[in-house]
PDB file of all heavy atoms in Angstrom:
ATOM      1  N   SER A   1     -16.895  15.462  16.728  1.00  0.00           N
ATOM      2  CA  SER A   1     -15.478  15.763  16.631  1.00  0.00           C
ATOM      3  C   SER A   1     -14.591  14.604  16.506  1.00  0.00           C
ATOM      4  O   SER A   1     -15.156  13.424  16.864  1.00  0.00           O
ATOM      5  CB  SER A   1     -15.038  16.600  17.835  1.00  0.00           C
ATOM      6  OG  SER A   1     -14.936  15.820  19.034  1.00  0.00           O
ATOM      7  N   THR A   2     -13.380  14.719  16.017  1.00  0.00           N
ATOM      8  CA  THR A   2     -12.519  13.602  16.075  1.00  0.00           C
ATOM      9  C   THR A   2     -12.374  12.885  17.406  1.00  0.00           C
ATOM     10  O   THR A   2     -12.361  11.694  17.465  1.00  0.00           O
ATOM     11  CB  THR A   2     -11.142  14.092  15.518  1.00  0.00           C
ATOM     12  OG1 THR A   2     -11.247  14.787  14.305  1.00  0.00           O
ATOM     13  CG2 THR A   2     -10.081  12.858  15.359  1.00  0.00           C
ATOM     14  N   TYR A   3     -12.339  13.661  18.458  1.00  0.00           N
ATOM     15  CA  TYR A   3     -12.145  13.229  19.801  1.00  0.00           C
ATOM     16  C   TYR A   3     -13.422  12.357  20.182  1.00  0.00           C
ATOM     17  O   TYR A   3     -13.263  11.255  20.838  1.00  0.00           O
ATOM     18  CB  TYR A   3     -11.995  14.301  20.887  1.00  0.00           C
ATOM     19  CG  TYR A   3     -10.696  15.024  20.567  1.00  0.00           C
ATOM     20  CD1 TYR A   3     -10.575  16.279  19.963  1.00  0.00           C
ATOM     21  CD2 TYR A   3      -9.486  14.461  20.951  1.00  0.00           C
ATOM     22  CE1 TYR A   3      -9.398  16.871  19.793  1.00  0.00           C
ATOM     23  CE2 TYR A   3      -8.305  15.125  20.744  1.00  0.00           C
ATOM     24  CZ  TYR A   3      -8.288  16.308  20.214  1.00  0.00           C
ATOM     25  OH  TYR A   3      -7.054  16.948  19.966  1.00  0.00           O
ATOM     26  N   GLU A   4     -14.568  12.964  19.868  1.00  0.00           N
ATOM     27  CA  GLU A   4     -15.843  12.246  20.239  1.00  0.00           C
ATOM     28  C   GLU A   4     -15.961  10.823  19.500  1.00  0.00           C
ATOM     29  O   GLU A   4     -16.306   9.891  20.112  1.00  0.00           O
ATOM     30  CB  GLU A   4     -17.040  13.087  19.844  1.00  0.00           C
ATOM     31  CG  GLU A   4     -17.210  14.280  20.854  1.00  0.00           C
ATOM     32  CD  GLU A   4     -18.303  15.237  20.344  1.00  0.00           C
ATOM     33  OE1 GLU A   4     -18.352  15.528  19.073  1.00  0.00           O
ATOM     34  OE2 GLU A   4     -19.161  15.525  21.092  1.00  0.00           O
ATOM     35  N   LEU A   5     -15.629  10.864  18.134  1.00  0.00           N
ATOM     36  CA  LEU A   5     -15.563   9.612  17.427  1.00  0.00           C
ATOM     37  C   LEU A   5     -14.643   8.583  18.055  1.00  0.00           C
ATOM     38  O   LEU A   5     -15.008   7.496  18.222  1.00  0.00           O
ATOM     39  CB  LEU A   5     -15.297   9.911  15.997  1.00  0.00           C
ATOM     40  CG  LEU A   5     -16.451  10.405  15.141  1.00  0.00           C
ATOM     41  CD1 LEU A   5     -15.873  10.863  13.801  1.00  0.00           C
ATOM     42  CD2 LEU A   5     -17.446   9.422  14.877  1.00  0.00           C
ATOM     43  N   PHE A   6     -13.440   9.090  18.263  1.00  0.00           N
ATOM     44  CA  PHE A   6     -12.429   8.101  18.839  1.00  0.00           C
ATOM     45  C   PHE A   6     -12.859   7.526  20.173  1.00  0.00           C
ATOM     46  O   PHE A   6     -12.775   6.286  20.350  1.00  0.00           O
ATOM     47  CB  PHE A   6     -11.133   8.844  18.935  1.00  0.00           C
ATOM     48  CG  PHE A   6      -9.971   7.846  19.415  1.00  0.00           C
ATOM     49  CD1 PHE A   6      -9.305   7.147  18.462  1.00  0.00           C
ATOM     50  CD2 PHE A   6      -9.677   7.726  20.780  1.00  0.00           C
ATOM     51  CE1 PHE A   6      -8.301   6.176  18.870  1.00  0.00           C
ATOM     52  CE2 PHE A   6      -8.739   6.843  21.119  1.00  0.00           C
ATOM     53  CZ  PHE A   6      -8.029   6.081  20.188  1.00  0.00           C
ATOM     54  N   ASN A   7     -13.344   8.381  20.968  1.00  0.00           N
ATOM     55  CA  ASN A   7     -13.823   7.961  22.390  1.00  0.00           C
ATOM     56  C   ASN A   7     -14.920   6.969  22.280  1.00  0.00           C
ATOM     57  O   ASN A   7     -14.974   5.999  23.040  1.00  0.00           O
ATOM     58  CB  ASN A   7     -14.055   9.132  23.219  1.00  0.00           C
ATOM     59  CG  ASN A   7     -12.866   9.831  23.613  1.00  0.00           C
ATOM     60  OD1 ASN A   7     -11.783   9.362  23.714  1.00  0.00           O
ATOM     61  ND2 ASN A   7     -13.006  11.103  24.052  1.00  0.00           N
ATOM     62  N   ARG A   8     -15.933   7.253  21.356  1.00  0.00           N
ATOM     63  CA  ARG A   8     -17.004   6.266  21.155  1.00  0.00           C
ATOM     64  C   ARG A   8     -16.492   4.915  20.705  1.00  0.00           C
ATOM     65  O   ARG A   8     -16.977   3.893  21.113  1.00  0.00           O
ATOM     66  CB  ARG A   8     -18.041   6.863  20.216  1.00  0.00           C
ATOM     67  CG  ARG A   8     -18.851   7.889  20.854  1.00  0.00           C
ATOM     68  CD  ARG A   8     -19.843   8.593  19.931  1.00  0.00           C
ATOM     69  NE  ARG A   8     -20.372   9.737  20.493  1.00  0.00           N
ATOM     70  CZ  ARG A   8     -21.662  10.086  20.449  1.00  0.00           C
ATOM     71  NH1 ARG A   8     -22.481   9.206  19.895  1.00  0.00           N
ATOM     72  NH2 ARG A   8     -22.101  11.169  21.005  1.00  0.00           N
ATOM     73  N   LEU A   9     -15.583   4.925  19.740  1.00  0.00           N
ATOM     74  CA  LEU A   9     -15.001   3.703  19.323  1.00  0.00           C
ATOM     75  C   LEU A   9     -14.115   3.004  20.419  1.00  0.00           C
ATOM     76  O   LEU A   9     -14.310   1.763  20.460  1.00  0.00           O
ATOM     77  CB  LEU A   9     -14.101   3.909  18.077  1.00  0.00           C
ATOM     78  CG  LEU A   9     -14.843   4.396  16.880  1.00  0.00           C
ATOM     79  CD1 LEU A   9     -13.742   4.802  15.788  1.00  0.00           C
ATOM     80  CD2 LEU A   9     -15.654   3.219  16.269  1.00  0.00           C
ATOM     81  N   ALA A  10     -13.359   3.736  21.122  1.00  0.00           N
ATOM     82  CA  ALA A  10     -12.611   3.151  22.206  1.00  0.00           C
ATOM     83  C   ALA A  10     -13.578   2.543  23.323  1.00  0.00           C
ATOM     84  O   ALA A  10     -13.196   1.529  23.938  1.00  0.00           O
ATOM     85  CB  ALA A  10     -11.713   4.199  22.799  1.00  0.00           C
ATOM     86  N   ASP A  11     -14.699   3.141  23.536  1.00  0.00           N
ATOM     87  CA  ASP A  11     -15.623   2.667  24.605  1.00  0.00           C
ATOM     88  C   ASP A  11     -16.538   1.552  24.088  1.00  0.00           C
ATOM     89  O   ASP A  11     -17.148   0.863  24.888  1.00  0.00           O
ATOM     90  CB  ASP A  11     -16.519   3.833  25.039  1.00  0.00           C
ATOM     91  CG  ASP A  11     -15.751   4.800  25.865  1.00  0.00           C
ATOM     92  OD1 ASP A  11     -14.704   4.542  26.332  1.00  0.00           O
ATOM     93  OD2 ASP A  11     -16.341   5.990  26.013  1.00  0.00           O
ATOM     94  N   SER A  12     -16.515   1.282  22.798  1.00  0.00           N
ATOM     95  CA  SER A  12     -17.407   0.242  22.150  1.00  0.00           C
ATOM     96  C   SER A  12     -16.642  -1.076  22.255  1.00  0.00           C
ATOM     97  O   SER A  12     -15.537  -1.192  22.772  1.00  0.00           O
ATOM     98  CB  SER A  12     -17.683   0.600  20.689  1.00  0.00           C
ATOM     99  OG  SER A  12     -16.556   0.341  19.913  1.00  0.00           O
ATOM    100  N   ASN A  13     -17.157  -2.120  21.750  1.00  0.00           N
ATOM    101  CA  ASN A  13     -16.595  -3.320  21.754  1.00  0.00           C
ATOM    102  C   ASN A  13     -15.815  -3.649  20.468  1.00  0.00           C
ATOM    103  O   ASN A  13     -15.489  -4.770  20.106  1.00  0.00           O
ATOM    104  CB  ASN A  13     -17.683  -4.561  21.890  1.00  0.00           C
ATOM    105  CG  ASN A  13     -18.727  -4.507  20.812  1.00  0.00           C
ATOM    106  OD1 ASN A  13     -18.572  -3.627  19.902  1.00  0.00           O
ATOM    107  ND2 ASN A  13     -19.641  -5.465  20.830  1.00  0.00           N
ATOM    108  N   LEU A  14     -15.382  -2.530  19.828  1.00  0.00           N
ATOM    109  CA  LEU A  14     -14.585  -2.663  18.588  1.00  0.00           C
ATOM    110  C   LEU A  14     -13.168  -3.354  18.973  1.00  0.00           C
ATOM    111  O   LEU A  14     -12.608  -2.889  19.896  1.00  0.00           O
ATOM    112  CB  LEU A  14     -14.283  -1.296  18.019  1.00  0.00           C
ATOM    113  CG  LEU A  14     -13.544  -1.174  16.790  1.00  0.00           C
ATOM    114  CD1 LEU A  14     -14.359  -1.841  15.562  1.00  0.00           C
ATOM    115  CD2 LEU A  14     -13.140   0.212  16.443  1.00  0.00           C
ATOM    116  N   LYS A  15     -12.892  -4.363  18.224  1.00  0.00           N
ATOM    117  CA  LYS A  15     -11.607  -4.983  18.477  1.00  0.00           C
ATOM    118  C   LYS A  15     -10.479  -4.034  18.212  1.00  0.00           C
ATOM    119  O   LYS A  15     -10.437  -3.280  17.283  1.00  0.00           O
ATOM    120  CB  LYS A  15     -11.399  -6.196  17.506  1.00  0.00           C
ATOM    121  CG  LYS A  15     -12.452  -7.280  17.810  1.00  0.00           C
ATOM    122  CD  LYS A  15     -12.098  -8.450  16.892  1.00  0.00           C
ATOM    123  CE  LYS A  15     -13.134  -9.596  16.994  1.00  0.00           C
ATOM    124  NZ  LYS A  15     -13.679 -10.158  18.030  1.00  0.00           N
ATOM    125  N   THR A  16      -9.474  -4.043  19.055  1.00  0.00           N
ATOM    126  CA  THR A  16      -8.413  -2.998  19.100  1.00  0.00           C
ATOM    127  C   THR A  16      -7.664  -3.045  17.865  1.00  0.00           C
ATOM    128  O   THR A  16      -7.022  -2.083  17.420  1.00  0.00           O
ATOM    129  CB  THR A  16      -7.426  -3.212  20.284  1.00  0.00           C
ATOM    130  OG1 THR A  16      -7.009  -4.593  20.350  1.00  0.00           O
ATOM    131  CG2 THR A  16      -8.161  -2.879  21.692  1.00  0.00           C
ATOM    132  N   ARG A  17      -7.615  -4.199  17.101  1.00  0.00           N
ATOM    133  CA  ARG A  17      -6.794  -4.188  15.850  1.00  0.00           C
ATOM    134  C   ARG A  17      -7.385  -3.301  14.829  1.00  0.00           C
ATOM    135  O   ARG A  17      -6.744  -2.976  13.785  1.00  0.00           O
ATOM    136  CB  ARG A  17      -6.641  -5.623  15.417  1.00  0.00           C
ATOM    137  CG  ARG A  17      -7.885  -6.261  14.934  1.00  0.00           C
ATOM    138  CD  ARG A  17      -7.614  -7.685  14.425  1.00  0.00           C
ATOM    139  NE  ARG A  17      -8.979  -8.308  14.042  1.00  0.00           N
ATOM    140  CZ  ARG A  17      -8.936  -9.265  13.288  1.00  0.00           C
ATOM    141  NH1 ARG A  17      -8.021  -9.817  12.718  1.00  0.00           N
ATOM    142  NH2 ARG A  17     -10.208  -9.728  12.957  1.00  0.00           N
ATOM    143  N   TRP A  18      -8.722  -2.990  14.970  1.00  0.00           N
ATOM    144  CA  TRP A  18      -9.389  -2.109  14.006  1.00  0.00           C
ATOM    145  C   TRP A  18      -9.354  -0.696  14.342  1.00  0.00           C
ATOM    146  O   TRP A  18      -9.719   0.201  13.641  1.00  0.00           O
ATOM    147  CB  TRP A  18     -10.787  -2.576  13.734  1.00  0.00           C
ATOM    148  CG  TRP A  18     -10.912  -3.916  13.107  1.00  0.00           C
ATOM    149  CD1 TRP A  18     -10.117  -4.467  12.063  1.00  0.00           C
ATOM    150  CD2 TRP A  18     -11.794  -4.927  13.436  1.00  0.00           C
ATOM    151  NE1 TRP A  18     -10.516  -5.748  11.846  1.00  0.00           N
ATOM    152  CE2 TRP A  18     -11.548  -6.009  12.674  1.00  0.00           C
ATOM    153  CE3 TRP A  18     -12.855  -5.006  14.371  1.00  0.00           C
ATOM    154  CZ2 TRP A  18     -12.273  -7.173  12.675  1.00  0.00           C
ATOM    155  CZ3 TRP A  18     -13.614  -6.183  14.390  1.00  0.00           C
ATOM    156  CH2 TRP A  18     -13.259  -7.283  13.577  1.00  0.00           C
ATOM    157  N   LEU A  19      -8.889  -0.371  15.583  1.00  0.00           N
ATOM    158  CA  LEU A  19      -8.919   0.958  16.020  1.00  0.00           C
ATOM    159  C   LEU A  19      -7.487   1.546  15.874  1.00  0.00           C
ATOM    160  O   LEU A  19      -6.619   1.064  16.504  1.00  0.00           O
ATOM    161  CB  LEU A  19      -9.437   0.980  17.537  1.00  0.00           C
ATOM    162  CG  LEU A  19      -9.534   2.382  18.220  1.00  0.00           C
ATOM    163  CD1 LEU A  19     -10.581   3.211  17.350  1.00  0.00           C
ATOM    164  CD2 LEU A  19      -9.859   2.267  19.645  1.00  0.00           C
ATOM    165  N   PRO A  20      -7.348   2.543  15.090  1.00  0.00           N
ATOM    166  CA  PRO A  20      -6.122   3.248  14.909  1.00  0.00           C
ATOM    167  C   PRO A  20      -5.732   4.025  16.138  1.00  0.00           C
ATOM    168  O   PRO A  20      -6.518   4.238  17.010  1.00  0.00           O
ATOM    169  CB  PRO A  20      -6.234   4.107  13.718  1.00  0.00           C
ATOM    170  CG  PRO A  20      -7.762   4.452  13.620  1.00  0.00           C
ATOM    171  CD  PRO A  20      -8.430   3.281  14.189  1.00  0.00           C
ATOM    172  N   THR A  21      -4.442   4.386  16.202  1.00  0.00           N
ATOM    173  CA  THR A  21      -4.107   5.214  17.353  1.00  0.00           C
ATOM    174  C   THR A  21      -4.779   6.520  17.322  1.00  0.00           C
ATOM    175  O   THR A  21      -5.183   7.036  16.289  1.00  0.00           O
ATOM    176  CB  THR A  21      -2.548   5.452  17.379  1.00  0.00           C
ATOM    177  OG1 THR A  21      -2.168   6.187  16.158  1.00  0.00           O
ATOM    178  CG2 THR A  21      -1.747   4.159  17.386  1.00  0.00           C
ATOM    179  N   ARG A  22      -4.778   7.220  18.469  1.00  0.00           N
ATOM    180  CA  ARG A  22      -5.487   8.560  18.478  1.00  0.00           C
ATOM    181  C   ARG A  22      -4.781   9.525  17.450  1.00  0.00           C
ATOM    182  O   ARG A  22      -5.481  10.312  16.766  1.00  0.00           O
ATOM    183  CB  ARG A  22      -5.460   9.115  19.930  1.00  0.00           C
ATOM    184  CG  ARG A  22      -6.180  10.407  20.090  1.00  0.00           C
ATOM    185  CD  ARG A  22      -6.207  10.867  21.435  1.00  0.00           C
ATOM    186  NE  ARG A  22      -6.793  10.081  22.451  1.00  0.00           N
ATOM    187  CZ  ARG A  22      -8.143  10.216  22.710  1.00  0.00           C
ATOM    188  NH1 ARG A  22      -8.912  11.004  22.088  1.00  0.00           N
ATOM    189  NH2 ARG A  22      -8.616   9.417  23.637  1.00  0.00           N
ATOM    190  N   ASN A  23      -3.489   9.493  17.383  1.00  0.00           N
ATOM    191  CA  ASN A  23      -2.736  10.399  16.518  1.00  0.00           C
ATOM    192  C   ASN A  23      -2.969  10.132  15.103  1.00  0.00           C
ATOM    193  O   ASN A  23      -2.843  11.045  14.212  1.00  0.00           O
ATOM    194  CB  ASN A  23      -1.279  10.350  16.844  1.00  0.00           C
ATOM    195  CG  ASN A  23      -0.947  11.014  18.195  1.00  0.00           C
ATOM    196  OD1 ASN A  23      -1.760  11.740  18.803  1.00  0.00           O
ATOM    197  ND2 ASN A  23       0.183  10.635  18.744  1.00  0.00           N
ATOM    198  N   SER A  24      -3.332   8.932  14.629  1.00  0.00           N
ATOM    199  CA  SER A  24      -3.475   8.619  13.186  1.00  0.00           C
ATOM    200  C   SER A  24      -5.017   8.615  12.872  1.00  0.00           C
ATOM    201  O   SER A  24      -5.336   8.356  11.691  1.00  0.00           O
ATOM    202  CB  SER A  24      -2.853   7.254  12.964  1.00  0.00           C
ATOM    203  OG  SER A  24      -3.613   6.159  13.597  1.00  0.00           O
ATOM    204  N   PHE A  25      -5.897   8.879  13.880  1.00  0.00           N
ATOM    205  CA  PHE A  25      -7.279   8.779  13.597  1.00  0.00           C
ATOM    206  C   PHE A  25      -7.882   9.794  12.577  1.00  0.00           C
ATOM    207  O   PHE A  25      -8.637   9.447  11.700  1.00  0.00           O
ATOM    208  CB  PHE A  25      -8.057   8.796  14.884  1.00  0.00           C
ATOM    209  CG  PHE A  25      -9.520   8.410  14.757  1.00  0.00           C
ATOM    210  CD1 PHE A  25      -9.824   7.174  14.280  1.00  0.00           C
ATOM    211  CD2 PHE A  25     -10.507   9.264  15.178  1.00  0.00           C
ATOM    212  CE1 PHE A  25     -11.195   6.701  14.091  1.00  0.00           C
ATOM    213  CE2 PHE A  25     -11.881   8.833  15.039  1.00  0.00           C
ATOM    214  CZ  PHE A  25     -12.169   7.626  14.512  1.00  0.00           C
TER     215      PHE A  25
END
């Protein structure tokens, strides 16, 4: 799901500049 993908990215070491906001994901 969108939520699972976002949470996996947020929990990873992905630099925050590459992670969009939850609402724009």
